[in-house]
Amino acid sequence: DVHPREVFRPLVRAGVAAAVCVHNHPSGDPTPSEPDLALTQRLRAG
């Protein structure tokens, strides 16, 4: 569970130009889930 404010807080402080989000799938399958895709869209909008 990741909230956009936690994602962007360190980025704003560092004054970055852009961001790459990264997470692991312990199952071994890297296929994105629907929640992964939805979170990506939320983070892009933010």
All heavy atoms as atom14 arrays in JSON, in Angstrom:
{
  "sequence": "DVHPREVFRPLVRAGVAAAVCVHNHPSGDPTPSEPDLALTQRLRAG",
  "atom14_mask": [
    [1, 1, 1, 1, 1, 1, 1, 1, 0, 0, 0, 0, 0, 0],
    [1, 1, 1, 1, 1, 1, 1, 0, 0, 0, 0, 0, 0, 0],
    [1, 1, 1, 1, 1, 1, 1, 1, 1, 1, 0, 0, 0, 0],
    [1, 1, 1, 1, 1, 1, 1, 0, 0, 0, 0, 0, 0, 0],
    [1, 1, 1, 1, 1, 1, 1, 1, 1, 1, 1, 0, 0, 0],
    [1, 1, 1, 1, 1, 1, 1, 1, 1, 0, 0, 0, 0, 0],
    [1, 1, 1, 1, 1, 1, 1, 0, 0, 0, 0, 0, 0, 0],
    [1, 1, 1, 1, 1, 1, 1, 1, 1, 1, 1, 0, 0, 0],
    [1, 1, 1, 1, 1, 1, 1, 1, 1, 1, 1, 0, 0, 0],
    [1, 1, 1, 1, 1, 1, 1, 0, 0, 0, 0, 0, 0, 0],
    [1, 1, 1, 1, 1, 1, 1, 1, 0, 0, 0, 0, 0, 0],
    [1, 1, 1, 1, 1, 1, 1, 0, 0, 0, 0, 0, 0, 0],
    [1, 1, 1, 1, 1, 1, 1, 1, 1, 1, 1, 0, 0, 0],
    [1, 1, 1, 1, 1, 0, 0, 0, 0, 0, 0, 0, 0, 0],
    [1, 1, 1, 1, 0, 0, 0, 0, 0, 0, 0, 0, 0, 0],
    [1, 1, 1, 1, 1, 1, 1, 0, 0, 0, 0, 0, 0, 0],
    [1, 1, 1, 1, 1, 0, 0, 0, 0, 0, 0, 0, 0, 0],
    [1, 1, 1, 1, 1, 0, 0, 0, 0, 0, 0, 0, 0, 0],
    [1, 1, 1, 1, 1, 0, 0, 0, 0, 0, 0, 0, 0, 0],
    [1, 1, 1, 1, 1, 1, 1, 0, 0, 0, 0, 0, 0, 0],
    [1, 1, 1, 1, 1, 1, 0, 0, 0, 0, 0, 0, 0, 0],
    [1, 1, 1, 1, 1, 1, 1, 0, 0, 0, 0, 0, 0, 0],
    [1, 1, 1, 1, 1, 1, 1, 1, 1, 1, 0, 0, 0, 0],
    [1, 1, 1, 1, 1, 1, 1, 1, 0, 0, 0, 0, 0, 0],
    [1, 1, 1, 1, 1, 1, 1, 1, 1, 1, 0, 0, 0, 0],
    [1, 1, 1, 1, 1, 1, 1, 0, 0, 0, 0, 0, 0, 0],
    [1, 1, 1, 1, 1, 1, 0, 0, 0, 0, 0, 0, 0, 0],
    [1, 1, 1, 1, 0, 0, 0, 0, 0, 0, 0, 0, 0, 0],
    [1, 1, 1, 1, 1, 1, 1, 1, 0, 0, 0, 0, 0, 0],
    [1, 1, 1, 1, 1, 1, 1, 0, 0, 0, 0, 0, 0, 0],
    [1, 1, 1, 1, 1, 1, 1, 0, 0, 0, 0, 0, 0, 0],
    [1, 1, 1, 1, 1, 1, 1, 0, 0, 0, 0, 0, 0, 0],
    [1, 1, 1, 1, 1, 1, 0, 0, 0, 0, 0, 0, 0, 0],
    [1, 1, 1, 1, 1, 1, 1, 1, 1, 0, 0, 0, 0, 0],
    [1, 1, 1, 1, 1, 1, 1, 0, 0, 0, 0, 0, 0, 0],
    [1, 1, 1, 1, 1, 1, 1, 1, 0, 0, 0, 0, 0, 0],
    [1, 1, 1, 1, 1, 1, 1, 1, 0, 0, 0, 0, 0, 0],
    [1, 1, 1, 1, 1, 0, 0, 0, 0, 0, 0, 0, 0, 0],
    [1, 1, 1, 1, 1, 1, 1, 1, 0, 0, 0, 0, 0, 0],
    [1, 1, 1, 1, 1, 1, 1, 0, 0, 0, 0, 0, 0, 0],
    [1, 1, 1, 1, 1, 1, 1, 1, 1, 0, 0, 0, 0, 0],
    [1, 1, 1, 1, 1, 1, 1, 1, 1, 1, 1, 0, 0, 0],
    [1, 1, 1, 1, 1, 1, 1, 1, 0, 0, 0, 0, 0, 0],
    [1, 1, 1, 1, 1, 1, 1, 1, 1, 1, 1, 0, 0, 0],
    [1, 1, 1, 1, 1, 0, 0, 0, 0, 0, 0, 0, 0, 0],
    [1, 1, 1, 1, 0, 0, 0, 0, 0, 0, 0, 0, 0, 0]
  ],
  "atom14_positions": [
    [[0.85, -1.18, 0.0], [0.0, 0.0, 0.0], [0.89, 1.23, 0.0], [1.66, 1.46, 0.93], [-0.91, -0.02, 1.24], [-1.91, 1.12, 1.22], [-2.31, 1.53, 0.12], [-2.29, 1.59, 2.31], [0.0, 0.0, 0.0], [0.0, 0.0, 0.0], [0.0, 0.0, 0.0], [0.0, 0.0, 0.0], [0.0, 0.0, 0.0], [0.0, 0.0, 0.0]],
    [[0.8, 2.01, -1.07], [1.63, 3.2, -1.21], [0.73, 4.4, -1.49], [-0.14, 4.33, -2.36], [2.64, 3.03, -2.37], [3.49, 4.27, -2.53], [3.51, 1.82, -2.14], [0.0, 0.0, 0.0], [0.0, 0.0, 0.0], [0.0, 0.0, 0.0], [0.0, 0.0, 0.0], [0.0, 0.0, 0.0], [0.0, 0.0, 0.0], [0.0, 0.0, 0.0]],
    [[0.95, 5.47, -0.76], [0.2, 6.69, -0.98], [1.08, 7.67, -1.75], [2.28, 7.77, -1.47], [-0.24, 7.31, 0.35], [-1.29, 8.35, 0.18], [-0.97, 9.64, -0.17], [-2.63, 8.3, 0.28], [-2.08, 10.35, -0.26], [-3.1, 9.56, 0.01], [0.0, 0.0, 0.0], [0.0, 0.0, 0.0], [0.0, 0.0, 0.0], [0.0, 0.0, 0.0]],
    [[0.52, 8.4, -2.71], [1.33, 9.35, -3.48], [2.14, 10.33, -2.63], [3.26, 10.69, -2.98], [0.3, 10.08, -4.35], [-0.77, 9.06, -4.57], [-0.84, 8.3, -3.25], [0.0, 0.0, 0.0], [0.0, 0.0, 0.0], [0.0, 0.0, 0.0], [0.0, 0.0, 0.0], [0.0, 0.0, 0.0], [0.0, 0.0, 0.0], [0.0, 0.0, 0.0]],
    [[1.63, 10.74, -1.48], [2.39, 11.71, -0.68], [3.71, 11.13, -0.21], [4.71, 11.82, -0.15], [1.54, 12.24, 0.49], [1.57, 11.43, 1.72], [0.81, 12.08, 2.88], [0.21, 11.01, 3.66], [-1.06, 10.67, 3.61], [-1.91, 11.34, 2.87], [-1.5, 9.66, 4.32], [0.0, 0.0, 0.0], [0.0, 0.0, 0.0], [0.0, 0.0, 0.0]],
    [[3.74, 9.8, 0.13], [4.99, 9.16, 0.54], [5.95, 9.04, -0.64], [7.16, 9.12, -0.48], [4.75, 7.78, 1.13], [4.35, 7.79, 2.59], [2.87, 8.11, 2.79], [2.05, 7.65, 1.95], [2.53, 8.82, 3.75], [0.0, 0.0, 0.0], [0.0, 0.0, 0.0], [0.0, 0.0, 0.0], [0.0, 0.0, 0.0], [0.0, 0.0, 0.0]],
    [[5.39, 8.83, -1.83], [6.22, 8.69, -3.02], [6.88, 10.02, -3.38], [8.07, 10.09, -3.67], [5.39, 8.15, -4.2], [6.18, 8.2, -5.5], [4.9, 6.73, -3.91], [0.0, 0.0, 0.0], [0.0, 0.0, 0.0], [0.0, 0.0, 0.0], [0.0, 0.0, 0.0], [0.0, 0.0, 0.0], [0.0, 0.0, 0.0], [0.0, 0.0, 0.0]],
    [[6.1, 11.1, -3.34], [6.61, 12.39, -3.83], [7.36, 13.2, -2.78], [8.15, 14.08, -3.15], [5.47, 13.21, -4.44], [5.02, 12.66, -5.76], [3.86, 11.92, -5.86], [5.79, 12.85, -6.9], [3.46, 11.39, -7.07], [5.4, 12.32, -8.11], [4.23, 11.59, -8.21], [0.0, 0.0, 0.0], [0.0, 0.0, 0.0], [0.0, 0.0, 0.0]],
    [[7.18, 12.91, -1.5], [7.86, 13.7, -0.47], [9.38, 13.73, -0.67], [9.98, 14.81, -0.73], [7.49, 13.17, 0.92], [8.13, 13.98, 2.06], [7.72, 13.46, 3.42], [6.31, 13.72, 3.66], [5.42, 12.81, 4.04], [5.8, 11.55, 4.23], [4.16, 13.13, 4.24], [0.0, 0.0, 0.0], [0.0, 0.0, 0.0], [0.0, 0.0, 0.0]],
    [[10.06, 12.57, -0.79], [11.52, 12.65, -0.97], [11.92, 13.26, -2.31], [12.98, 13.87, -2.43], [11.98, 11.19, -0.87], [10.77, 10.37, -1.12], [9.59, 11.18, -0.68], [0.0, 0.0, 0.0], [0.0, 0.0, 0.0], [0.0, 0.0, 0.0], [0.0, 0.0, 0.0], [0.0, 0.0, 0.0], [0.0, 0.0, 0.0], [0.0, 0.0, 0.0]],
    [[11.06, 13.12, -3.32], [11.38, 13.66, -4.65], [11.33, 15.18, -4.64], [12.19, 15.84, -5.23], [10.39, 13.11, -5.68], [10.37, 11.59, -5.85], [9.25, 11.17, -6.78], [11.71, 11.08, -6.34], [0.0, 0.0, 0.0], [0.0, 0.0, 0.0], [0.0, 0.0, 0.0], [0.0, 0.0, 0.0], [0.0, 0.0, 0.0], [0.0, 0.0, 0.0]],
    [[10.34, 15.74, -3.96], [10.22, 17.19, -3.86], [11.41, 17.75, -3.1], [12.04, 18.75, -3.51], [8.89, 17.59, -3.2], [8.86, 19.07, -2.86], [7.7, 17.22, -4.11], [0.0, 0.0, 0.0], [0.0, 0.0, 0.0], [0.0, 0.0, 0.0], [0.0, 0.0, 0.0], [0.0, 0.0, 0.0], [0.0, 0.0, 0.0], [0.0, 0.0, 0.0]],
    [[11.76, 17.11, -1.99], [12.9, 17.59, -1.19], [14.2, 17.58, -1.97], [15.05, 18.45, -1.8], [13.05, 16.72, 0.06], [12.01, 16.98, 1.11], [12.27, 16.14, 2.34], [11.25, 16.36, 3.33], [10.93, 15.51, 4.28], [11.57, 14.36, 4.37], [9.98, 15.78, 5.15], [0.0, 0.0, 0.0], [0.0, 0.0, 0.0], [0.0, 0.0, 0.0]],
    [[14.37, 16.57, -2.83], [15.61, 16.45, -3.59], [15.63, 17.32, -4.85], [16.68, 17.48, -5.46], [15.86, 14.98, -3.97], [0.0, 0.0, 0.0], [0.0, 0.0, 0.0], [0.0, 0.0, 0.0], [0.0, 0.0, 0.0], [0.0, 0.0, 0.0], [0.0, 0.0, 0.0], [0.0, 0.0, 0.0], [0.0, 0.0, 0.0], [0.0, 0.0, 0.0]],
    [[14.47, 17.87, -5.24], [14.42, 18.71, -6.42], [14.69, 17.96, -7.72], [15.4, 18.45, -8.59], [0.0, 0.0, 0.0], [0.0, 0.0, 0.0], [0.0, 0.0, 0.0], [0.0, 0.0, 0.0], [0.0, 0.0, 0.0], [0.0, 0.0, 0.0], [0.0, 0.0, 0.0], [0.0, 0.0, 0.0], [0.0, 0.0, 0.0], [0.0, 0.0, 0.0]],
    [[14.12, 16.77, -7.85], [14.37, 15.93, -9.02], [13.6, 16.43, -10.24], [12.62, 17.16, -10.11], [14.03, 14.45, -8.74], [14.78, 13.95, -7.53], [12.54, 14.24, -8.57], [0.0, 0.0, 0.0], [0.0, 0.0, 0.0], [0.0, 0.0, 0.0], [0.0, 0.0, 0.0], [0.0, 0.0, 0.0], [0.0, 0.0, 0.0], [0.0, 0.0, 0.0]],
    [[14.04, 16.0, -11.41], [13.36, 16.34, -12.66], [12.27, 15.34, -13.02], [11.28, 15.69, -13.65], [14.37, 16.43, -13.8], [0.0, 0.0, 0.0], [0.0, 0.0, 0.0], [0.0, 0.0, 0.0], [0.0, 0.0, 0.0], [0.0, 0.0, 0.0], [0.0, 0.0, 0.0], [0.0, 0.0, 0.0], [0.0, 0.0, 0.0], [0.0, 0.0, 0.0]],
    [[12.45, 14.09, -12.62], [11.5, 13.03, -12.96], [11.7, 11.87, -11.99], [12.64, 11.86, -11.2], [11.69, 12.56, -14.39], [0.0, 0.0, 0.0], [0.0, 0.0, 0.0], [0.0, 0.0, 0.0], [0.0, 0.0, 0.0], [0.0, 0.0, 0.0], [0.0, 0.0, 0.0], [0.0, 0.0, 0.0], [0.0, 0.0, 0.0], [0.0, 0.0, 0.0]],
    [[10.8, 10.89, -12.08], [10.84, 9.76, -11.15], [10.59, 8.45, -11.86], [9.9, 8.39, -12.87], [9.81, 9.95, -10.05], [0.0, 0.0, 0.0], [0.0, 0.0, 0.0], [0.0, 0.0, 0.0], [0.0, 0.0, 0.0], [0.0, 0.0, 0.0], [0.0, 0.0, 0.0], [0.0, 0.0, 0.0], [0.0, 0.0, 0.0], [0.0, 0.0, 0.0]],
    [[11.17, 7.4, -11.28], [10.9, 6.02, -11.69], [10.47, 5.28, -10.42], [11.18, 5.31, -9.42], [12.14, 5.33, -12.29], [11.85, 3.87, -12.61], [12.62, 6.07, -13.52], [0.0, 0.0, 0.0], [0.0, 0.0, 0.0], [0.0, 0.0, 0.0], [0.0, 0.0, 0.0], [0.0, 0.0, 0.0], [0.0, 0.0, 0.0], [0.0, 0.0, 0.0]],
    [[9.3, 4.67, -10.47], [8.82, 3.87, -9.34], [9.2, 2.42, -9.59], [9.23, 1.96, -10.73], [7.31, 4.01, -9.21], [6.79, 5.7, -8.84], [0.0, 0.0, 0.0], [0.0, 0.0, 0.0], [0.0, 0.0, 0.0], [0.0, 0.0, 0.0], [0.0, 0.0, 0.0], [0.0, 0.0, 0.0], [0.0, 0.0, 0.0], [0.0, 0.0, 0.0]],
    [[9.46, 1.7, -8.51], [9.94, 0.32, -8.62], [9.36, -0.49, -7.48], [9.33, -0.03, -6.34], [11.49, 0.24, -8.51], [11.98, -1.17, -8.77], [12.16, 1.23, -9.43], [0.0, 0.0, 0.0], [0.0, 0.0, 0.0], [0.0, 0.0, 0.0], [0.0, 0.0, 0.0], [0.0, 0.0, 0.0], [0.0, 0.0, 0.0], [0.0, 0.0, 0.0]],
    [[8.85, -1.69, -7.79], [8.54, -2.63, -6.71], [8.74, -4.05, -7.2], [8.89, -4.3, -8.39], [7.14, -2.39, -6.13], [6.0, -2.98, -6.9], [5.44, -2.39, -8.01], [5.3, -4.12, -6.69], [4.44, -3.13, -8.45], [4.34, -4.2, -7.68], [0.0, 0.0, 0.0], [0.0, 0.0, 0.0], [0.0, 0.0, 0.0], [0.0, 0.0, 0.0]],
    [[8.8, -4.97, -6.23], [9.06, -6.37, -6.53], [7.78, -7.19, -6.46], [6.81, -6.79, -5.83], [10.09, -6.94, -5.56], [9.59, -6.91, -4.13], [9.01, -5.93, -3.68], [9.83, -7.98, -3.39], [0.0, 0.0, 0.0], [0.0, 0.0, 0.0], [0.0, 0.0, 0.0], [0.0, 0.0, 0.0], [0.0, 0.0, 0.0], [0.0, 0.0, 0.0]],
    [[7.79, -8.33, -7.13], [6.72, -9.33, -7.02], [7.34, -10.62, -6.48], [8.02, -11.34, -7.22], [6.08, -9.6, -8.39], [5.03, -8.63, -8.78], [4.29, -8.76, -9.94], [4.56, -7.52, -8.17], [3.43, -7.77, -10.03], [3.58, -6.99, -8.97], [0.0, 0.0, 0.0], [0.0, 0.0, 0.0], [0.0, 0.0, 0.0], [0.0, 0.0, 0.0]],
    [[7.15, -10.91, -5.19], [7.73, -12.13, -4.61], [7.25, -13.42, -5.28], [7.91, -14.44, -5.18], [7.28, -12.08, -3.15], [7.02, -10.63, -2.88], [6.5, -10.08, -4.17], [0.0, 0.0, 0.0], [0.0, 0.0, 0.0], [0.0, 0.0, 0.0], [0.0, 0.0, 0.0], [0.0, 0.0, 0.0], [0.0, 0.0, 0.0], [0.0, 0.0, 0.0]],
    [[6.13, -13.37, -5.98], [5.61, -14.56, -6.66], [6.54, -15.04, -7.76], [6.46, -16.18, -8.19], [4.24, -14.25, -7.27], [4.39, -13.32, -8.35], [0.0, 0.0, 0.0], [0.0, 0.0, 0.0], [0.0, 0.0, 0.0], [0.0, 0.0, 0.0], [0.0, 0.0, 0.0], [0.0, 0.0, 0.0], [0.0, 0.0, 0.0], [0.0, 0.0, 0.0]],
    [[7.42, -14.15, -8.25], [8.3, -14.5, -9.35], [7.78, -14.06, -10.7], [8.5, -14.07, -11.69], [0.0, 0.0, 0.0], [0.0, 0.0, 0.0], [0.0, 0.0, 0.0], [0.0, 0.0, 0.0], [0.0, 0.0, 0.0], [0.0, 0.0, 0.0], [0.0, 0.0, 0.0], [0.0, 0.0, 0.0], [0.0, 0.0, 0.0], [0.0, 0.0, 0.0]],
    [[6.51, -13.66, -10.78], [5.89, -13.23, -12.04], [5.86, -11.71, -12.08], [5.18, -11.07, -11.27], [4.47, -13.79, -12.12], [3.76, -13.41, -13.41], [4.34, -12.71, -14.25], [2.58, -13.82, -13.56], [0.0, 0.0, 0.0], [0.0, 0.0, 0.0], [0.0, 0.0, 0.0], [0.0, 0.0, 0.0], [0.0, 0.0, 0.0], [0.0, 0.0, 0.0]],
    [[6.55, -11.09, -13.04], [6.6, -9.63, -13.1], [5.39, -8.97, -13.77], [5.34, -7.75, -13.9], [7.87, -9.36, -13.9], [7.95, -10.5, -14.84], [7.43, -11.7, -14.07], [0.0, 0.0, 0.0], [0.0, 0.0, 0.0], [0.0, 0.0, 0.0], [0.0, 0.0, 0.0], [0.0, 0.0, 0.0], [0.0, 0.0, 0.0], [0.0, 0.0, 0.0]],
    [[4.41, -9.77, -14.18], [3.25, -9.21, -14.87], [2.51, -8.22, -13.97], [2.17, -8.54, -12.83], [2.27, -10.33, -15.29], [2.99, -11.29, -16.06], [1.1, -9.78, -16.08], [0.0, 0.0, 0.0], [0.0, 0.0, 0.0], [0.0, 0.0, 0.0], [0.0, 0.0, 0.0], [0.0, 0.0, 0.0], [0.0, 0.0, 0.0], [0.0, 0.0, 0.0]],
    [[2.23, -7.01, -14.45], [1.53, -6.03, -13.61], [0.09, -6.45, -13.34], [-0.59, -6.95, -14.23], [1.58, -4.74, -14.43], [2.17, -5.06, -15.74], [2.63, -6.47, -15.75], [0.0, 0.0, 0.0], [0.0, 0.0, 0.0], [0.0, 0.0, 0.0], [0.0, 0.0, 0.0], [0.0, 0.0, 0.0], [0.0, 0.0, 0.0], [0.0, 0.0, 0.0]],
    [[-0.33, -6.22, -12.11], [-1.72, -6.49, -11.73], [-2.56, -5.25, -12.03], [-2.02, -4.17, -12.3], [-1.8, -6.81, -10.24], [-1.43, -5.67, -9.48], [0.0, 0.0, 0.0], [0.0, 0.0, 0.0], [0.0, 0.0, 0.0], [0.0, 0.0, 0.0], [0.0, 0.0, 0.0], [0.0, 0.0, 0.0], [0.0, 0.0, 0.0], [0.0, 0.0, 0.0]],
    [[-3.86, -5.38, -11.97], [-4.74, -4.21, -12.15], [-4.43, -3.14, -11.11], [-4.36, -1.96, -11.46], [-6.21, -4.64, -12.1], [-6.67, -5.35, -13.36], [-6.47, -4.54, -14.63], [-6.7, -3.32, -14.62], [-6.03, -5.12, -15.64], [0.0, 0.0, 0.0], [0.0, 0.0, 0.0], [0.0, 0.0, 0.0], [0.0, 0.0, 0.0], [0.0, 0.0, 0.0]],
    [[-4.23, -3.5, -9.81], [-3.84, -2.46, -8.85], [-2.51, -1.78, -9.2], [-2.35, -0.58, -8.97], [-3.76, -3.21, -7.52], [-4.69, -4.36, -7.68], [-4.58, -4.77, -9.13], [0.0, 0.0, 0.0], [0.0, 0.0, 0.0], [0.0, 0.0, 0.0], [0.0, 0.0, 0.0], [0.0, 0.0, 0.0], [0.0, 0.0, 0.0], [0.0, 0.0, 0.0]],
    [[-1.56, -2.53, -9.76], [-0.28, -1.93, -10.19], [-0.52, -0.88, -11.27], [0.04, 0.22, -11.23], [0.68, -2.99, -10.75], [1.19, -3.97, -9.7], [1.19, -3.62, -8.51], [1.61, -5.07, -10.1], [0.0, 0.0, 0.0], [0.0, 0.0, 0.0], [0.0, 0.0, 0.0], [0.0, 0.0, 0.0], [0.0, 0.0, 0.0], [0.0, 0.0, 0.0]],
    [[-1.37, -1.22, -12.24], [-1.66, -0.3, -13.33], [-2.42, 0.93, -12.82], [-2.12, 2.06, -13.22], [-2.46, -1.01, -14.43], [-1.75, -2.19, -15.09], [-2.68, -2.91, -16.05], [-0.49, -1.74, -15.81], [0.0, 0.0, 0.0], [0.0, 0.0, 0.0], [0.0, 0.0, 0.0], [0.0, 0.0, 0.0], [0.0, 0.0, 0.0], [0.0, 0.0, 0.0]],
    [[-3.37, 0.71, -11.92], [-4.14, 1.83, -11.36], [-3.24, 2.76, -10.55], [-3.34, 3.99, -10.64], [-5.3, 1.3, -10.5], [0.0, 0.0, 0.0], [0.0, 0.0, 0.0], [0.0, 0.0, 0.0], [0.0, 0.0, 0.0], [0.0, 0.0, 0.0], [0.0, 0.0, 0.0], [0.0, 0.0, 0.0], [0.0, 0.0, 0.0], [0.0, 0.0, 0.0]],
    [[-2.34, 2.17, -9.74], [-1.41, 2.99, -8.96], [-0.5, 3.8, -9.88], [-0.23, 4.98, -9.62], [-0.57, 2.1, -8.03], [0.52, 2.82, -7.23], [-0.08, 3.9, -6.32], [1.34, 1.83, -6.42], [0.0, 0.0, 0.0], [0.0, 0.0, 0.0], [0.0, 0.0, 0.0], [0.0, 0.0, 0.0], [0.0, 0.0, 0.0], [0.0, 0.0, 0.0]],
    [[-0.05, 3.19, -10.95], [0.8, 3.9, -11.9], [0.08, 5.12, -12.45], [0.65, 6.22, -12.53], [1.23, 2.96, -13.05], [1.92, 1.84, -12.5], [2.13, 3.67, -14.05], [0.0, 0.0, 0.0], [0.0, 0.0, 0.0], [0.0, 0.0, 0.0], [0.0, 0.0, 0.0], [0.0, 0.0, 0.0], [0.0, 0.0, 0.0], [0.0, 0.0, 0.0]],
    [[-1.19, 4.96, -12.81], [-1.96, 6.09, -13.34], [-2.12, 7.18, -12.28], [-2.0, 8.37, -12.6], [-3.33, 5.61, -13.85], [-3.25, 4.61, -14.99], [-2.68, 5.19, -16.28], [-2.16, 6.3, -16.33], [-2.77, 4.43, -17.37], [0.0, 0.0, 0.0], [0.0, 0.0, 0.0], [0.0, 0.0, 0.0], [0.0, 0.0, 0.0], [0.0, 0.0, 0.0]],
    [[-2.38, 6.79, -11.03], [-2.51, 7.77, -9.95], [-1.2, 8.53, -9.74], [-1.2, 9.75, -9.56], [-2.89, 7.09, -8.63], [-4.35, 6.68, -8.53], [-4.65, 6.0, -7.21], [-4.4, 6.86, -6.07], [-4.02, 6.43, -4.87], [-3.85, 5.15, -4.65], [-3.82, 7.27, -3.88], [0.0, 0.0, 0.0], [0.0, 0.0, 0.0], [0.0, 0.0, 0.0]],
    [[-0.09, 7.82, -9.76], [1.2, 8.46, -9.56], [1.56, 9.36, -10.73], [2.13, 10.45, -10.54], [2.29, 7.41, -9.32], [2.17, 6.62, -8.01], [3.19, 5.49, -7.96], [2.3, 7.54, -6.8], [0.0, 0.0, 0.0], [0.0, 0.0, 0.0], [0.0, 0.0, 0.0], [0.0, 0.0, 0.0], [0.0, 0.0, 0.0], [0.0, 0.0, 0.0]],
    [[1.22, 8.95, -11.93], [1.46, 9.81, -13.09], [0.67, 11.11, -12.98], [1.19, 12.19, -13.27], [1.09, 9.09, -14.38], [2.11, 8.08, -14.84], [1.68, 7.44, -16.13], [2.77, 6.71, -16.75], [2.65, 6.04, -17.9], [1.5, 6.02, -18.54], [3.68, 5.4, -18.4], [0.0, 0.0, 0.0], [0.0, 0.0, 0.0], [0.0, 0.0, 0.0]],
    [[-0.59, 10.99, -12.56], [-1.43, 12.19, -12.4], [-0.86, 13.11, -11.32], [-0.79, 14.33, -11.5], [-2.86, 11.78, -12.06], [0.0, 0.0, 0.0], [0.0, 0.0, 0.0], [0.0, 0.0, 0.0], [0.0, 0.0, 0.0], [0.0, 0.0, 0.0], [0.0, 0.0, 0.0], [0.0, 0.0, 0.0], [0.0, 0.0, 0.0], [0.0, 0.0, 0.0]],
    [[-0.42, 12.52, -10.2], [0.19, 13.32, -9.14], [1.47, 13.98, -9.59], [1.73, 15.14, -9.27], [0.0, 0.0, 0.0], [0.0, 0.0, 0.0], [0.0, 0.0, 0.0], [0.0, 0.0, 0.0], [0.0, 0.0, 0.0], [0.0, 0.0, 0.0], [0.0, 0.0, 0.0], [0.0, 0.0, 0.0], [0.0, 0.0, 0.0], [0.0, 0.0, 0.0]]
  ]
}
